[in-house]
Amino acid sequence: MNGRTHGSVLAAATAVALGTIAMASFAAGNHRWGGAILIRFSGSHGVHASDLLGLVPFAAGLLLGAWCLRGREAR
């Protein structure tokens, strides 16, 4: 496994999963501060400005997952 332990793979998968769940909660939530609709799909569905904030926890999850998968030699 290139110096990767089972625990580091599990930690990386957990980080990515939690980042994805947080991103989905931003997109699925109905916030008062949702902002302007950037892309409208229908009368009641679209991409709001606050949905883009979901990219922050997603990116954090990806970065943390990549950090977990780095070999012990690099640390």
Protein backbone atom coordinates (compact mmCIF):
# COMPACT_ATOMS: atom_id res chain seq x y z
CA MET A 1 0.00 0.00 0.00
CA ASN A 2 3.01 2.33 -0.44
CA GLY A 3 3.45 2.95 3.27
CA ARG A 4 -0.23 3.70 3.75
CA THR A 5 -1.97 2.10 6.65
CA HIS A 6 -5.56 0.99 6.74
CA GLY A 7 -6.21 3.77 9.24
CA SER A 8 -4.90 6.50 6.96
CA VAL A 9 -7.09 5.31 4.09
CA LEU A 10 -10.10 5.22 6.40
CA ALA A 11 -9.30 8.72 7.70
CA ALA A 12 -8.97 10.03 4.14
CA ALA A 13 -12.28 8.48 3.09
CA THR A 14 -13.98 9.91 6.18
CA ALA A 15 -12.60 13.40 5.51
CA VAL A 16 -13.81 13.37 1.91
CA ALA A 17 -17.22 11.99 2.93
CA LEU A 18 -17.73 14.64 5.62
CA GLY A 19 -16.68 17.39 3.23
CA THR A 20 -19.15 16.10 0.66
CA ILE A 21 -21.97 15.93 3.22
CA ALA A 22 -21.25 19.49 4.34
CA MET A 23 -21.25 20.65 0.72
CA ALA A 24 -24.60 18.96 0.10
CA SER A 25 -26.09 20.57 3.21
CA PHE A 26 -25.23 24.01 1.84
CA ALA A 27 -26.87 23.17 -1.48
CA ALA A 28 -29.95 21.47 -0.01
CA GLY A 29 -30.58 23.98 2.77
CA ASN A 30 -33.20 26.69 2.53
CA HIS A 31 -31.36 29.68 3.97
CA ARG A 32 -32.69 33.18 4.43
CA TRP A 33 -29.28 34.44 3.39
CA GLY A 34 -29.26 32.29 0.27
CA GLY A 35 -28.43 35.22 -1.97
CA ALA A 36 -29.23 35.74 -5.57
CA ILE A 37 -30.05 32.85 -7.87
CA LEU A 38 -27.08 32.39 -10.18
CA ILE A 39 -28.46 29.55 -12.31
CA ARG A 40 -32.19 28.77 -12.44
CA PHE A 41 -33.26 25.21 -13.21
CA SER A 42 -36.98 25.69 -12.67
CA GLY A 43 -39.33 27.98 -10.78
CA SER A 44 -38.30 26.53 -7.41
CA HIS A 45 -34.82 25.11 -8.07
CA GLY A 46 -31.52 26.75 -8.85
CA VAL A 47 -28.00 27.51 -7.70
CA HIS A 48 -27.87 30.31 -5.12
CA ALA A 49 -24.84 32.39 -4.20
CA SER A 50 -24.58 30.67 -0.80
CA ASP A 51 -24.39 27.27 -2.48
CA LEU A 52 -20.89 28.19 -3.59
CA LEU A 53 -19.88 28.29 0.09
CA GLY A 54 -20.28 24.52 0.03
CA LEU A 55 -17.09 24.32 -2.00
CA VAL A 56 -15.10 25.38 1.09
CA PRO A 57 -15.79 22.26 3.23
CA PHE A 58 -15.56 20.06 0.14
CA ALA A 59 -12.11 21.42 -0.71
CA ALA A 60 -11.08 21.11 2.95
CA GLY A 61 -12.19 17.47 2.94
CA LEU A 62 -10.20 16.77 -0.22
CA LEU A 63 -7.09 18.46 1.14
CA LEU A 64 -7.36 16.67 4.47
CA GLY A 65 -7.89 13.37 2.66
CA ALA A 66 -4.80 13.97 0.54
CA TRP A 67 -2.81 14.84 3.67
CA CYS A 68 -3.93 11.60 5.33
CA LEU A 69 -2.77 9.58 2.33
CA ARG A 70 0.69 11.12 2.18
CA GLY A 71 3.38 8.68 3.12
CA ARG A 72 4.96 8.77 6.57
CA GLU A 73 8.31 9.58 4.93
CA ALA A 74 6.95 12.95 3.76
CA ARG A 75 5.95 13.98 7.30
